[in-house]
Amino acid sequence: MSSRDKIEAAKKELNTAMTTFNSCIVNSDLDNCIATLIKSADNEYKKYIIGGLLNEIDKDKSFQLHKEAYLSKPDELDFNLEYAIELHRKGEFEEAAKLYEKYSKEKAEDFRVNVWLADCYINSGDIDKSIANWKKSDHAKHHTSIDQAINTIYGNTKQIKARNNYRKEIEKGNNTLFYSLIFLDMNWELDWWNTNTQEYFLKEDVRLIESKLEKTNIDYNTIQAYIKVKNLSKSENAGDSIKMLLTNNKIIIGSNPLPTNGQIASDLLRICFINQLISEQEFYNNRGQELLKLANATKDKELLNIYAYLQATVNGKVDASIDKQGWTDFKDERFAISYFIGKADKNRFDDKELAQALTDFPNSSKLYWVKVNCAKIENIKLRPHLVELIKREFKTLGSDQSHYSYPLKSYFGYLESEK
C-alpha cells in the first residue's frame, strides 16, 4: 500500500472522530474537544491528518502531532513537508530549510517550497540562497499561489480559540463580549483576502445570546439588528431596508447613538456610507466630536479609527495628534504608520520616534519601509535594511493594502541589485 493510500485509509478511519470534533467545537469547550480527537491519533498517518486539522486551532498540538509523524517516518514526503511548515511557523528557519530542501529534491516542481526557502534563508542569513529561491518561485507566473503560500505560514490561526475564549467569558457573566463574538462569526477570516459568515457558529452563539439577555435589552437588540443589517448588506438595493432596521432599533441614523463596540460601529457605518444612508462629511461635521469622545471613553481603537477615516475623507488628512494618540495611547499600528507617512520629508533614518515605533510594532513592514526610504535618501548602505524589510514583509505582506506580494517582489529586486 502506498503512503497516499495509507493516508486515505486513515482519513476514512477518522471520519467519525473528525465529524464529532467539528460538531463539538460549535458548542463545547475547545480543549475537551481537542483532547477527545487526539485520542484517535493512534498511528503516524492519523497524527498527520489530525495535525493538519488542528493547525488553525491549536498550533502547539498541531506541531507535536506533525513532529511525531515525521520522526516515525522521516522519509515520508508528506510528513517531511508538514513538519517543515510547522518548524517554519515556529521561526526555526534553519531546521525548516533542511527539510524543505529534502522535500524539494523529490518535488522540484513545487514552487511553494522555493517561496518558503526564500523566507527561511533570509531569516537565517543566507541572502544569496534566499534570492535564488525567490527567483525560482517565478512570481510572474505564480503570484497568486505565492501569496497563498505565504499565508499558509503566517495567516491567522487564532479565531477558533478566540471564539472559545469569548464564550467562556460570557458564561462567567461578561456580556459585553457578545459584540466581539458575533462580529467574529460574521467576519471570519478565511485568509488575508477573504471573509465569510460562519453560520454554524453564528447560530449557536445567537442561542447563547438569547439565553443570557432579555429581548428588551439594548445589547440584544443592537446585536440582532447588526446580524440582519450585515446579511442585508450582501444584497443589492437593500438601502431602504437597512435604514428602516437601524431607525427602528434606534442605531446611528439621525441622532441615534452609536454602538459602543468599535468593530460593530465601524461595520455599520461602512454599510451606511456604501448605501448612501448618510454621508461621511455630514457625519463627521455633525457627530465627529461625539465619536471621538466615545473612542476616548471606551479606549476602543476601532472607534478612533473610524474618526480618523472620516477626518481624512473630509479634510484630506488625519491630524498628527490623532495619529500620535492612536499609536501611543491605543497601541495601534495603523496610526503609527499614518503618523510617519504624514511626517513625509521630516522623517530621518535615526529618528528616535521611528525607532520607538519599530520597537512597538516589530513586524511592521510599512514602518520599516519608512526607515529604508530614509536610508536611501541619506545614502546609507541599503542591503542590510532591505533584508530586514523583506523579513517583515513575509510575515504580513503588509506593504500592499490588498496583501499581495508585488512589493515583496520589488524588494527582492532591489536587494539583488545592491550586491
Protein backbone atom coordinates (compact mmCIF):
# COMPACT_ATOMS: atom_id res chain seq x y z
CA MET A 1 0.00 0.00 0.00
CA SER A 2 1.42 3.40 -1.00
CA SER A 3 1.78 6.22 1.50
CA ARG A 4 -1.04 8.08 -0.24
CA ASP A 5 -3.27 5.03 0.14
CA LYS A 6 -2.36 4.83 3.83
CA ILE A 7 -3.28 8.49 4.29
CA GLU A 8 -6.61 7.97 2.55
CA ALA A 9 -7.29 4.88 4.67
CA ALA A 10 -6.53 6.86 7.82
CA LYS A 11 -8.93 9.60 6.71
CA LYS A 12 -11.71 7.06 6.33
CA GLU A 13 -11.00 5.62 9.76
CA LEU A 14 -11.04 9.12 11.26
CA ASN A 15 -14.21 10.24 9.54
CA THR A 16 -16.47 9.74 12.56
CA ALA A 17 -13.96 11.27 15.00
CA MET A 18 -13.45 14.35 12.83
CA THR A 19 -17.18 14.80 12.26
CA THR A 20 -17.72 14.58 16.01
CA PHE A 21 -14.93 17.11 16.57
CA ASN A 22 -16.38 19.59 14.08
CA SER A 23 -19.71 19.39 15.89
CA CYS A 24 -18.09 19.53 19.31
CA ILE A 25 -16.27 22.83 18.77
CA VAL A 26 -19.52 24.61 17.92
CA ASN A 27 -20.96 24.45 21.43
CA SER A 28 -18.49 22.68 23.73
CA ASP A 29 -15.21 23.54 25.39
CA LEU A 30 -12.49 23.54 22.74
CA ASP A 31 -9.80 21.96 24.91
CA ASN A 32 -12.03 18.99 25.68
CA CYS A 33 -12.91 18.59 22.00
CA ILE A 34 -9.22 18.58 21.05
CA ALA A 35 -8.30 16.11 23.79
CA THR A 36 -11.00 13.72 22.62
CA LEU A 37 -9.93 13.97 18.99
CA ILE A 38 -6.26 13.35 19.75
CA LYS A 39 -7.16 10.03 21.37
CA SER A 40 -7.89 8.81 17.84
CA ALA A 41 -4.33 9.57 16.68
CA ASP A 42 -3.07 6.03 17.22
CA ASN A 43 -0.67 5.87 14.27
CA GLU A 44 1.55 8.25 12.32
CA TYR A 45 -0.91 8.69 9.45
CA LYS A 46 -3.71 9.69 11.78
CA LYS A 47 -1.33 12.05 13.60
CA TYR A 48 -0.53 13.65 10.26
CA ILE A 49 -4.21 14.14 9.40
CA ILE A 50 -5.29 15.37 12.83
CA GLY A 51 -2.27 17.68 12.95
CA GLY A 52 -3.47 19.22 9.71
CA LEU A 53 -6.96 19.70 11.11
CA LEU A 54 -5.57 21.40 14.20
CA ASN A 55 -3.06 23.73 12.53
CA GLU A 56 -5.56 26.61 12.60
CA ILE A 57 -6.96 25.69 16.01
CA ASP A 58 -4.15 24.63 18.34
CA LYS A 59 -0.71 25.24 16.88
CA ASP A 60 1.12 23.51 19.75
CA LYS A 61 -0.87 20.29 19.37
CA SER A 62 -0.53 20.50 15.59
CA PHE A 63 3.24 20.89 15.91
CA GLN A 64 3.57 17.92 18.25
CA LEU A 65 1.48 15.60 16.09
CA HIS A 66 3.33 16.51 12.90
CA LYS A 67 6.65 16.12 14.70
CA GLU A 68 5.72 12.65 15.94
CA ALA A 69 4.53 11.62 12.48
CA TYR A 70 7.78 12.85 10.91
CA LEU A 71 10.02 11.19 13.50
CA SER A 72 8.26 7.88 12.98
CA LYS A 73 8.74 8.02 9.19
CA PRO A 74 11.25 10.76 8.27
CA ASP A 75 11.37 9.67 4.63
CA GLU A 76 7.62 10.08 4.14
CA LEU A 77 7.44 13.21 1.96
CA ASP A 78 4.06 14.42 3.23
CA PHE A 79 5.26 14.14 6.82
CA ASN A 80 8.52 15.84 5.88
CA LEU A 81 6.73 18.82 4.33
CA GLU A 82 4.21 19.34 7.12
CA TYR A 83 6.87 19.20 9.80
CA ALA A 84 8.98 21.68 7.82
CA ILE A 85 5.99 24.03 7.71
CA GLU A 86 5.48 23.60 11.46
CA LEU A 87 9.15 24.43 12.14
CA HIS A 88 8.86 27.43 9.83
CA ARG A 89 5.82 28.75 11.71
CA LYS A 90 7.77 28.49 14.95
CA GLY A 91 10.64 30.51 13.49
CA GLU A 92 13.06 27.56 13.41
CA PHE A 93 14.26 28.62 9.99
CA GLU A 94 17.46 26.60 9.66
CA GLU A 95 15.80 23.31 10.58
CA ALA A 96 12.82 24.06 8.36
CA ALA A 97 15.12 24.83 5.42
CA LYS A 98 16.83 21.44 5.74
CA LEU A 99 13.51 19.64 5.44
CA TYR A 100 12.29 21.87 2.62
CA GLU A 101 15.48 21.09 0.69
CA LYS A 102 14.97 17.38 1.29
CA TYR A 103 11.40 17.62 0.04
CA SER A 104 12.38 19.75 -2.95
CA LYS A 105 14.79 17.10 -4.22
CA GLU A 106 11.81 14.83 -4.79
CA LYS A 107 9.25 17.52 -5.67
CA ALA A 108 11.22 20.13 -7.58
CA GLU A 109 8.06 21.33 -9.33
CA ASP A 110 6.50 22.53 -6.04
CA PHE A 111 7.45 26.22 -6.30
CA ARG A 112 5.84 26.95 -2.92
CA VAL A 113 8.90 25.40 -1.32
CA ASN A 114 11.10 27.96 -3.05
CA VAL A 115 8.99 30.74 -1.51
CA TRP A 116 9.30 29.18 1.93
CA LEU A 117 13.03 28.62 1.45
CA ALA A 118 13.45 32.27 0.44
CA ASP A 119 11.90 33.28 3.77
CA CYS A 120 13.89 30.75 5.80
CA TYR A 121 17.21 31.67 4.22
CA ILE A 122 16.76 35.42 4.58
CA ASN A 123 15.98 34.89 8.26
CA SER A 124 18.96 32.59 8.77
CA GLY A 125 21.36 34.93 6.99
CA ASP A 126 21.96 33.19 3.65
CA ILE A 127 20.89 36.08 1.45
CA ASP A 128 22.13 34.66 -1.85
CA LYS A 129 20.17 31.43 -1.37
CA SER A 130 17.13 33.47 -0.42
CA ILE A 131 17.33 35.49 -3.63
CA ALA A 132 17.94 32.38 -5.72
CA ASN A 133 14.91 30.59 -4.30
CA TRP A 134 12.70 33.64 -4.69
CA LYS A 135 13.64 33.81 -8.37
CA LYS A 136 12.95 30.09 -8.78
CA SER A 137 9.41 30.59 -7.48
CA ASP A 138 8.68 32.62 -10.66
CA HIS A 139 6.48 35.37 -9.28
CA ALA A 140 5.29 36.49 -12.70
CA LYS A 141 3.76 33.07 -13.31
CA HIS A 142 2.71 32.07 -9.80
CA HIS A 143 2.00 35.32 -7.92
CA THR A 144 -1.43 34.28 -6.57
CA SER A 145 -0.18 30.92 -5.34
CA ILE A 146 2.86 32.63 -3.83
CA ASP A 147 0.53 34.89 -1.84
CA GLN A 148 -1.32 31.82 -0.59
CA ALA A 149 1.92 30.03 0.28
CA ILE A 150 2.99 32.94 2.48
CA ASN A 151 -0.45 33.00 4.11
CA THR A 152 -0.02 29.29 4.88
CA ILE A 153 2.87 30.19 7.17
CA TYR A 154 1.74 33.49 8.64
CA GLY A 155 -2.06 33.57 8.33
CA ASN A 156 -4.49 33.95 11.22
CA THR A 157 -4.74 30.80 13.35
CA LYS A 158 -6.36 32.31 16.45
CA GLN A 159 -10.03 32.64 15.55
CA ILE A 160 -11.46 29.39 16.89
CA LYS A 161 -9.57 29.81 20.16
CA ALA A 162 -10.73 33.42 20.37
CA ARG A 163 -14.34 32.35 19.90
CA ASN A 164 -13.96 29.69 22.58
CA ASN A 165 -12.48 32.24 24.99
CA TYR A 166 -15.28 34.74 24.31
CA ARG A 167 -17.89 32.08 25.08
CA LYS A 168 -16.10 31.11 28.30
CA GLU A 169 -16.01 34.71 29.49
CA ILE A 170 -19.66 35.25 28.56
CA GLU A 171 -20.60 32.20 30.62
CA LYS A 172 -18.84 33.92 33.53
CA GLY A 173 -21.04 36.99 33.03
CA ASN A 174 -19.05 39.25 30.70
CA ASN A 175 -21.91 40.08 28.33
CA THR A 176 -20.00 42.90 26.61
CA LEU A 177 -18.10 40.21 24.70
CA PHE A 178 -21.25 39.28 22.78
CA TYR A 179 -20.37 42.06 20.34
CA SER A 180 -16.88 40.69 19.68
CA LEU A 181 -18.24 37.15 19.42
CA ILE A 182 -20.88 37.98 16.82
CA PHE A 183 -18.53 40.23 14.86
CA LEU A 184 -16.03 37.36 14.70
CA ASP A 185 -18.69 34.92 13.49
CA MET A 186 -19.84 37.29 10.75
CA ASN A 187 -16.39 38.43 9.60
CA TRP A 188 -14.45 35.19 9.75
CA GLU A 189 -11.07 35.40 8.01
CA LEU A 190 -10.59 32.54 5.58
CA ASP A 191 -7.25 34.03 4.61
CA TRP A 192 -5.79 37.53 4.12
CA TRP A 193 -8.17 38.22 1.24
CA ASN A 194 -11.50 36.58 2.07
CA THR A 195 -14.02 36.60 4.88
CA ASN A 196 -17.38 34.94 5.34
CA THR A 197 -20.02 34.25 7.96
CA GLN A 198 -19.54 31.04 9.91
CA GLU A 199 -23.22 30.16 10.01
CA TYR A 200 -22.91 27.14 12.31
CA PHE A 201 -21.03 29.23 14.88
CA LEU A 202 -23.39 32.18 14.49
CA LYS A 203 -26.49 30.05 15.03
CA GLU A 204 -25.11 28.62 18.26
CA ASP A 205 -23.86 31.99 19.50
CA VAL A 206 -27.24 33.61 18.88
CA ARG A 207 -28.71 30.86 21.06
CA LEU A 208 -26.23 31.84 23.76
CA ILE A 209 -27.30 35.48 23.48
CA GLU A 210 -30.95 34.51 23.77
CA SER A 211 -30.20 32.51 26.90
CA LYS A 212 -28.33 35.38 28.56
CA LEU A 213 -30.12 38.58 27.52
CA GLU A 214 -33.73 39.69 27.68
CA LYS A 215 -35.29 40.64 24.36
CA THR A 216 -35.83 44.14 25.71
CA ASN A 217 -32.10 44.53 26.41
CA ILE A 218 -30.37 47.21 24.31
CA ASP A 219 -27.38 44.98 23.59
CA TYR A 220 -29.66 42.16 22.48
CA ASN A 221 -31.49 44.40 20.02
CA THR A 222 -28.31 46.03 18.73
CA ILE A 223 -26.70 42.66 18.04
CA GLN A 224 -29.81 41.27 16.37
CA ALA A 225 -30.06 44.40 14.22
CA TYR A 226 -26.39 44.08 13.26
CA ILE A 227 -26.89 40.48 12.14
CA LYS A 228 -29.85 41.46 9.97
CA VAL A 229 -28.11 44.53 8.52
CA LYS A 230 -24.95 42.55 7.77
CA ASN A 231 -26.96 39.94 5.90
CA LEU A 232 -28.96 42.57 4.03
CA SER A 233 -25.76 44.36 3.01
CA LYS A 234 -24.85 41.38 0.83
CA SER A 235 -27.88 42.08 -1.36
CA GLU A 236 -28.34 44.80 -3.95
CA ASN A 237 -30.73 47.70 -3.39
CA ALA A 238 -31.09 46.95 0.32
CA GLY A 239 -30.54 50.54 1.47
CA ASP A 240 -34.14 51.27 2.44
CA SER A 241 -34.45 48.05 4.43
CA ILE A 242 -31.17 48.71 6.22
CA LYS A 243 -32.23 52.26 7.07
CA MET A 244 -35.54 51.04 8.44
CA LEU A 245 -33.84 48.43 10.62
CA LEU A 246 -31.38 50.93 12.06
CA THR A 247 -34.07 53.55 12.59
CA ASN A 248 -36.47 51.13 14.28
CA ASN A 249 -33.71 49.94 16.60
CA LYS A 250 -32.53 53.50 17.29
CA ILE A 251 -29.00 52.94 15.96
CA ILE A 252 -26.87 55.63 14.22
CA ILE A 253 -29.47 57.12 11.84
CA GLY A 254 -30.36 60.71 12.71
CA SER A 255 -29.12 61.40 16.20
CA ASN A 256 -29.47 57.82 17.41
CA PRO A 257 -26.47 56.53 19.37
CA LEU A 258 -23.56 54.56 18.02
CA PRO A 259 -22.91 51.05 19.29
CA THR A 260 -20.18 51.28 21.91
CA ASN A 261 -18.30 48.38 20.32
CA GLY A 262 -15.95 49.79 17.70
CA GLN A 263 -15.97 46.77 15.39
CA ILE A 264 -19.76 46.75 15.15
CA ALA A 265 -20.00 50.54 14.90
CA SER A 266 -17.34 50.65 12.19
CA ASP A 267 -19.00 47.93 10.13
CA LEU A 268 -22.45 49.52 10.42
CA LEU A 269 -21.10 52.94 9.44
CA ARG A 270 -19.29 51.41 6.48
CA ILE A 271 -22.57 49.84 5.35
CA CYS A 272 -24.37 53.17 5.82
CA PHE A 273 -21.78 55.05 3.77
CA ILE A 274 -21.76 52.48 0.96
CA ASN A 275 -25.56 52.57 0.76
CA GLN A 276 -25.55 56.39 0.95
CA LEU A 277 -27.79 56.43 4.01
CA ILE A 278 -25.51 59.09 5.47
CA SER A 279 -22.50 60.89 4.06
CA GLU A 280 -19.04 60.88 5.57
CA GLN A 281 -18.89 64.67 5.56
CA GLU A 282 -22.28 65.07 7.21
CA PHE A 283 -21.49 62.52 9.88
CA TYR A 284 -18.05 63.98 10.62
CA ASN A 285 -19.35 67.54 10.81
CA ASN A 286 -22.36 66.70 12.96
CA ARG A 287 -21.13 63.83 15.11
CA GLY A 288 -17.37 63.69 14.82
CA GLN A 289 -16.74 65.02 18.31
CA GLU A 290 -19.28 62.61 19.76
CA LEU A 291 -17.42 59.77 18.07
CA LEU A 292 -14.06 60.99 19.34
CA LYS A 293 -15.37 61.29 22.90
CA LEU A 294 -16.77 57.77 22.75
CA ALA A 295 -13.45 56.44 21.44
CA ASN A 296 -11.57 58.11 24.29
CA ALA A 297 -14.09 56.97 26.90
CA THR A 298 -14.01 53.33 25.79
CA LYS A 299 -10.38 53.24 24.59
CA ASP A 300 -11.69 51.41 21.54
CA LYS A 301 -9.17 51.64 18.71
CA GLU A 302 -11.79 50.86 16.07
CA LEU A 303 -13.87 53.86 17.11
CA LEU A 304 -10.80 56.09 16.89
CA ASN A 305 -10.01 54.57 13.51
CA ILE A 306 -13.49 55.49 12.23
CA TYR A 307 -12.89 59.04 13.39
CA ALA A 308 -9.51 59.14 11.64
CA TYR A 309 -11.03 57.76 8.44
CA LEU A 310 -13.75 60.41 8.47
CA GLN A 311 -11.26 63.17 9.21
CA ALA A 312 -9.06 62.08 6.31
CA THR A 313 -12.08 61.82 3.99
CA VAL A 314 -13.36 65.30 4.86
CA ASN A 315 -10.12 67.21 5.50
CA GLY A 316 -7.74 65.30 3.26
CA LYS A 317 -5.52 64.15 6.12
CA VAL A 318 -5.53 62.92 9.70
CA ASP A 319 -4.30 65.33 12.36
CA ALA A 320 -0.89 64.29 13.65
CA SER A 321 -2.25 64.48 17.20
CA ILE A 322 -4.87 61.82 16.40
CA ASP A 323 -2.28 59.56 14.80
CA LYS A 324 0.05 60.01 17.76
CA GLN A 325 -2.76 59.25 20.18
CA GLY A 326 -3.80 56.15 18.25
CA TRP A 327 -0.22 54.92 18.23
CA THR A 328 0.88 55.72 21.79
CA ASP A 329 -2.38 55.51 23.77
CA PHE A 330 -4.38 52.99 21.75
CA LYS A 331 -1.32 50.92 20.73
CA ASP A 332 -2.48 50.54 17.14
CA GLU A 333 -0.02 50.12 14.27
CA ARG A 334 -2.27 51.81 11.70
CA PHE A 335 -1.94 55.14 13.46
CA ALA A 336 1.83 54.85 13.75
CA ILE A 337 2.05 54.21 10.00
CA SER A 338 -0.18 57.19 9.26
CA TYR A 339 1.85 59.37 11.63
CA PHE A 340 5.16 58.72 9.87
CA ILE A 341 3.66 58.93 6.39
CA GLY A 342 2.31 62.31 7.48
CA LYS A 343 5.79 63.43 8.53
CA ALA A 344 6.94 62.87 4.93
CA ASP A 345 10.32 64.52 4.31
CA LYS A 346 10.76 65.25 8.03
CA ASN A 347 11.49 61.57 8.66
CA ARG A 348 15.09 60.65 9.40
CA PHE A 349 16.87 57.30 9.47
CA ASP A 350 17.94 57.70 13.10
CA ASP A 351 14.66 59.30 14.25
CA LYS A 352 14.05 58.31 17.89
CA GLU A 353 10.29 58.29 17.36
CA LEU A 354 10.64 55.93 14.42
CA ALA A 355 12.91 53.67 16.47
CA GLN A 356 10.25 53.57 19.18
CA ALA A 357 7.51 52.76 16.68
CA LEU A 358 9.58 49.87 15.30
CA THR A 359 10.03 48.62 18.85
CA ASP A 360 6.29 48.86 19.44
CA PHE A 361 5.46 47.15 16.13
CA PRO A 362 8.49 45.00 15.30
CA ASN A 363 6.87 43.17 12.37
CA SER A 364 5.58 46.27 10.59
CA SER A 365 6.92 46.30 7.04
CA LYS A 366 5.27 49.66 6.34
CA LEU A 367 7.10 51.31 9.22
CA TYR A 368 10.36 49.66 8.26
CA TRP A 369 9.85 50.89 4.70
CA VAL A 370 9.99 54.44 6.12
CA LYS A 371 13.39 53.62 7.60
CA VAL A 372 14.63 52.08 4.34
CA ASN A 373 13.43 55.10 2.38
CA CYS A 374 15.33 57.37 4.75
CA ALA A 375 18.44 55.21 4.31
CA LYS A 376 18.19 55.62 0.56
CA ILE A 377 17.77 59.40 0.78
CA GLU A 378 20.62 59.73 3.28
CA ASN A 379 22.96 57.49 1.24
CA ILE A 380 23.16 54.82 3.93
CA LYS A 381 24.00 51.31 2.75
CA LEU A 382 20.68 49.72 1.84
CA ARG A 383 21.40 45.99 1.73
CA PRO A 384 21.11 45.15 5.47
CA HIS A 385 17.97 47.25 5.77
CA LEU A 386 16.37 45.68 2.71
CA VAL A 387 16.98 42.31 4.35
CA GLU A 388 15.13 43.47 7.46
CA LEU A 389 12.32 44.89 5.35
CA ILE A 390 11.89 41.60 3.48
CA LYS A 391 11.78 39.64 6.75
CA ARG A 392 8.89 41.80 7.90
CA GLU A 393 7.12 41.77 4.55
CA PHE A 394 6.98 37.98 4.52
CA LYS A 395 5.13 38.00 7.84
CA THR A 396 2.20 40.14 6.72
CA LEU A 397 2.50 41.19 3.06
CA GLY A 398 1.69 44.47 4.75
CA SER A 399 3.21 46.89 2.25
CA ASP A 400 0.32 46.27 -0.11
CA GLN A 401 -3.15 47.29 1.06
CA SER A 402 -4.60 44.15 -0.53
CA HIS A 403 -1.88 41.86 0.88
CA TYR A 404 -0.39 40.97 -2.49
CA SER A 405 3.26 40.06 -2.88
CA TYR A 406 4.21 42.59 -5.56
CA PRO A 407 6.08 44.83 -3.09
CA LEU A 408 7.96 41.77 -1.84
CA LYS A 409 8.97 41.04 -5.42
CA SER A 410 10.23 44.62 -5.74
CA TYR A 411 12.18 44.41 -2.50
CA PHE A 412 13.94 41.27 -3.70
CA GLY A 413 14.78 43.06 -6.94
CA TYR A 414 16.31 45.96 -5.02
CA LEU A 415 18.18 43.53 -2.77
CA GLU A 416 19.71 41.71 -5.72
CA SER A 417 20.83 44.99 -7.27
CA GLU A 418 22.51 46.06 -4.01
CA LYS A 419 25.13 43.29 -4.05
